[in-house]
Amino acid sequence: MLYLLYLLALIPLYILVALLLSNIPYNRSFTSEKEHPILIQLHSNGVHTDMLLPVTNSIYDWHSFLPDIPTANNVVAIGWGDKGFYLNTPTWGDLTFSTAFKACTGLSTTAMHVSYYKGSLRTSENTVSILINAEQYKKLCNYVQASFQQDTNNKLILVKHDPRYYSGHFYDAKGHYSIFTSCNSWVNKGLKKSELKTCLWTPFDWPLLNAYK
């Protein structure tokens, strides 16, 4: 009982710290690239954030890393998250205590979700566009690639899923999901490593989007 009370007391502390760090800017000197811009986007479904990257350009061709990219699509959306949430929780009504507990405590494995678009999304409340330079884009691609698990033959490990709930593909990922390493903190870390504007740390989607509004 005492342990439960301690746990409940930590929840408002966690939220307070998360809000504080989410409002501390990082790489605030970032400016949009004007001479040779590369367009990337951040898109949120209201909870989870994906990075949207060009399938191919002069800097990197994702065909060399991702199999079976549809020929009609020129934008790839990539996100990282808890495998249990991805595969077993198509709606909040499907969420179980076991899935939530494993996700919060870092006990479950993670997956990369890869989907495709025919073009860039329209800027909206849930989608922001960012113009970056070649060096920043290289760093971002390296960060995303390093998040995928690979087998002994350096091949991505495909995860089966129900196509009724998710489009695209899932692959095994590195790392463990927790309240400290969420899908949004994965995006935030990638932006930091790529010298792009973001916040110090966040488990939320809105600080990532607000940095570019």
Protein backbone atom coordinates (compact mmCIF):
# COMPACT_ATOMS: atom_id res chain seq x y z
CA MET A 1 0.00 0.00 0.00
CA LEU A 2 2.82 2.39 0.91
CA TYR A 3 4.58 1.59 -2.38
CA LEU A 4 1.40 2.45 -4.30
CA LEU A 5 1.12 5.79 -2.50
CA TYR A 6 4.73 6.61 -3.41
CA LEU A 7 3.99 5.72 -7.02
CA LEU A 8 0.90 7.90 -7.14
CA ALA A 9 2.86 10.78 -5.61
CA LEU A 10 5.45 10.54 -8.39
CA ILE A 11 2.91 11.01 -11.18
CA PRO A 12 2.38 14.78 -10.68
CA LEU A 13 6.16 15.18 -10.22
CA TYR A 14 6.78 13.42 -13.53
CA ILE A 15 4.23 15.63 -15.30
CA LEU A 16 5.74 18.78 -13.76
CA VAL A 17 9.28 17.86 -14.82
CA ALA A 18 8.10 16.84 -18.29
CA LEU A 19 6.32 20.16 -18.79
CA LEU A 20 9.33 22.10 -17.53
CA LEU A 21 11.85 20.36 -19.81
CA SER A 22 9.43 20.49 -22.74
CA ASN A 23 9.48 24.28 -22.53
CA ILE A 24 13.27 24.64 -22.48
CA PRO A 25 14.44 25.30 -26.07
CA TYR A 26 17.34 23.34 -27.56
CA ASN A 27 19.36 24.45 -30.61
CA ARG A 28 17.51 27.75 -30.53
CA SER A 29 20.03 29.21 -33.01
CA PHE A 30 18.66 26.98 -35.79
CA THR A 31 17.59 28.81 -38.94
CA SER A 32 15.82 27.40 -41.97
CA GLU A 33 18.07 26.52 -44.91
CA LYS A 34 17.46 28.90 -47.82
CA GLU A 35 20.06 28.12 -50.51
CA HIS A 36 19.73 24.32 -50.85
CA PRO A 37 16.84 23.31 -48.59
CA ILE A 38 15.75 19.75 -47.89
CA LEU A 39 12.13 19.52 -46.76
CA ILE A 40 11.30 17.23 -43.86
CA GLN A 41 8.11 17.19 -41.80
CA LEU A 42 6.90 16.18 -38.36
CA HIS A 43 3.41 14.73 -38.23
CA SER A 44 1.43 13.86 -35.10
CA ASN A 45 -1.76 11.82 -34.79
CA GLY A 46 -2.44 13.71 -31.58
CA VAL A 47 -0.21 11.49 -29.43
CA HIS A 48 2.58 9.98 -31.54
CA THR A 49 4.98 11.83 -33.86
CA ASP A 50 6.48 10.53 -37.12
CA MET A 51 9.32 11.98 -39.17
CA LEU A 52 8.50 12.44 -42.87
CA LEU A 53 11.54 12.28 -45.14
CA PRO A 54 12.07 12.32 -48.92
CA VAL A 55 12.40 8.77 -50.27
CA THR A 56 15.32 9.84 -52.42
CA ASN A 57 17.43 12.92 -53.07
CA SER A 58 21.05 13.74 -53.80
CA ILE A 59 21.99 13.09 -50.17
CA TYR A 60 20.38 9.72 -49.49
CA ASP A 61 18.22 7.12 -51.22
CA TRP A 62 16.04 5.13 -48.79
CA HIS A 63 15.68 2.39 -51.42
CA SER A 64 19.14 1.25 -50.35
CA PHE A 65 17.92 0.59 -46.81
CA LEU A 66 14.16 -0.03 -46.89
CA PRO A 67 12.74 -2.88 -49.01
CA ASP A 68 9.60 -2.72 -51.13
CA ILE A 69 9.10 1.05 -51.29
CA PRO A 70 6.02 1.67 -53.49
CA THR A 71 7.10 3.29 -56.76
CA ALA A 72 4.33 5.92 -56.63
CA ASN A 73 5.43 7.25 -53.23
CA ASN A 74 8.17 9.81 -52.66
CA VAL A 75 7.85 10.47 -48.92
CA VAL A 76 8.60 7.95 -46.17
CA ALA A 77 7.14 8.36 -42.66
CA ILE A 78 9.14 6.71 -39.88
CA GLY A 79 8.31 6.39 -36.21
CA TRP A 80 9.65 4.45 -33.24
CA GLY A 81 7.50 3.05 -30.47
CA ASP A 82 6.48 0.27 -28.12
CA LYS A 83 5.80 -2.92 -30.10
CA GLY A 84 2.88 -3.92 -27.88
CA PHE A 85 1.14 -0.61 -28.41
CA TYR A 86 1.76 -0.70 -32.12
CA LEU A 87 0.57 -4.25 -32.74
CA ASN A 88 -2.00 -4.92 -30.01
CA THR A 89 -3.66 -1.55 -29.41
CA PRO A 90 -5.37 -0.28 -32.57
CA THR A 91 -7.77 1.72 -30.33
CA TRP A 92 -7.58 2.91 -26.73
CA GLY A 93 -10.34 0.41 -25.97
CA ASP A 94 -7.89 -2.39 -26.77
CA LEU A 95 -5.32 -1.21 -24.25
CA THR A 96 -4.63 -3.78 -21.53
CA PHE A 97 -2.95 -3.32 -18.17
CA SER A 98 -0.14 -5.65 -19.25
CA THR A 99 0.64 -3.62 -22.39
CA ALA A 100 0.55 -0.33 -20.49
CA PHE A 101 2.68 -1.63 -17.62
CA LYS A 102 5.36 -3.04 -19.92
CA ALA A 103 5.45 0.15 -21.97
CA CYS A 104 5.76 2.41 -18.94
CA THR A 105 8.48 0.36 -17.28
CA GLY A 106 10.62 -0.47 -20.32
CA LEU A 107 9.98 -4.22 -20.12
CA SER A 108 8.74 -4.68 -23.69
CA THR A 109 10.46 -4.45 -27.04
CA THR A 110 10.14 -1.71 -29.65
CA ALA A 111 9.37 -1.44 -33.34
CA MET A 112 9.85 0.97 -36.22
CA HIS A 113 6.73 1.83 -38.19
CA VAL A 114 7.37 2.75 -41.82
CA SER A 115 4.65 4.09 -44.08
CA TYR A 116 4.58 6.08 -47.31
CA TYR A 117 2.94 9.12 -48.90
CA LYS A 118 2.74 10.28 -52.49
CA GLY A 119 3.90 13.74 -51.46
CA SER A 120 4.43 16.09 -48.56
CA LEU A 121 1.50 16.69 -46.22
CA ARG A 122 -0.23 20.03 -46.01
CA THR A 123 0.96 22.08 -43.07
CA SER A 124 -1.65 21.97 -40.32
CA GLU A 125 -2.14 21.87 -36.57
CA ASN A 126 -0.64 18.35 -36.60
CA THR A 127 1.98 18.74 -39.34
CA VAL A 128 4.95 21.11 -39.52
CA SER A 129 7.51 21.57 -42.31
CA ILE A 130 11.22 22.14 -41.71
CA LEU A 131 13.86 23.24 -44.24
CA ILE A 132 17.26 21.81 -43.34
CA ASN A 133 20.70 21.57 -44.94
CA ALA A 134 22.54 18.53 -46.30
CA GLU A 135 24.70 17.94 -43.22
CA GLN A 136 21.70 18.07 -40.89
CA TYR A 137 19.83 15.65 -43.14
CA LYS A 138 22.76 13.21 -43.18
CA LYS A 139 22.82 13.19 -39.38
CA LEU A 140 19.08 12.64 -39.22
CA CYS A 141 19.21 9.71 -41.67
CA ASN A 142 22.07 8.13 -39.71
CA TYR A 143 20.08 8.46 -36.48
CA VAL A 144 16.96 6.88 -37.97
CA GLN A 145 18.89 4.00 -39.55
CA ALA A 146 20.69 3.25 -36.29
CA SER A 147 17.32 2.72 -34.57
CA PHE A 148 16.48 -0.35 -36.71
CA GLN A 149 17.56 -3.81 -35.62
CA GLN A 150 19.28 -5.93 -38.24
CA ASP A 151 19.88 -9.67 -38.42
CA THR A 152 23.23 -11.41 -38.93
CA ASN A 153 22.94 -10.71 -42.67
CA ASN A 154 22.37 -6.98 -42.06
CA LYS A 155 18.72 -7.30 -43.12
CA LEU A 156 15.83 -5.55 -41.43
CA ILE A 157 13.62 -7.79 -39.29
CA LEU A 158 10.03 -7.56 -40.52
CA VAL A 159 7.25 -7.81 -37.92
CA LYS A 160 3.87 -9.23 -38.94
CA HIS A 161 0.86 -7.03 -38.19
CA ASP A 162 -2.83 -6.73 -38.96
CA PRO A 163 -3.12 -4.53 -42.10
CA ARG A 164 -6.67 -3.55 -41.12
CA TYR A 165 -5.29 -1.23 -38.46
CA TYR A 166 -1.95 -0.01 -39.82
CA SER A 167 -0.58 0.68 -43.27
CA GLY A 168 3.06 0.23 -44.19
CA HIS A 169 5.46 -2.08 -42.42
CA PHE A 170 6.83 -2.74 -38.93
CA TYR A 171 10.41 -3.73 -38.19
CA ASP A 172 12.18 -4.68 -34.97
CA ALA A 173 13.86 -1.68 -33.37
CA LYS A 174 16.61 -1.07 -30.87
CA GLY A 175 15.93 0.21 -27.38
CA HIS A 176 13.12 -0.05 -24.85
CA TYR A 177 10.07 2.16 -24.53
CA SER A 178 9.33 3.73 -21.13
CA ILE A 179 7.95 6.90 -19.61
CA PHE A 180 11.44 8.37 -20.09
CA THR A 181 12.01 7.09 -23.64
CA SER A 182 8.74 7.61 -25.49
CA CYS A 183 8.05 7.75 -29.22
CA ASN A 184 8.21 11.53 -29.02
CA SER A 185 11.44 11.63 -27.04
CA TRP A 186 12.92 9.43 -29.82
CA VAL A 187 12.02 12.14 -32.35
CA ASN A 188 13.30 14.82 -30.01
CA LYS A 189 16.64 13.05 -29.63
CA GLY A 190 16.97 12.76 -33.41
CA LEU A 191 16.34 16.48 -33.85
CA LYS A 192 18.94 17.29 -31.21
CA LYS A 193 21.56 15.02 -32.81
CA SER A 194 20.85 16.64 -36.18
CA GLU A 195 21.31 20.14 -34.77
CA LEU A 196 17.69 21.08 -35.36
CA LYS A 197 15.47 23.17 -33.15
CA THR A 198 13.56 21.28 -30.48
CA CYS A 199 13.31 21.13 -26.66
CA LEU A 200 15.56 19.74 -23.96
CA TRP A 201 13.42 16.61 -23.45
CA THR A 202 9.78 15.71 -23.86
CA PRO A 203 7.44 12.70 -23.81
CA PHE A 204 4.81 14.78 -25.66
CA ASP A 205 4.17 15.61 -29.32
CA TRP A 206 3.19 19.27 -29.02
CA PRO A 207 6.63 20.71 -28.03
CA LEU A 208 8.12 19.18 -31.19
CA LEU A 209 5.48 20.79 -33.40
CA ASN A 210 5.40 24.09 -31.52
CA ALA A 211 9.12 24.60 -32.13
CA TYR A 212 8.29 25.17 -35.82
CA LYS A 213 4.99 27.04 -35.64
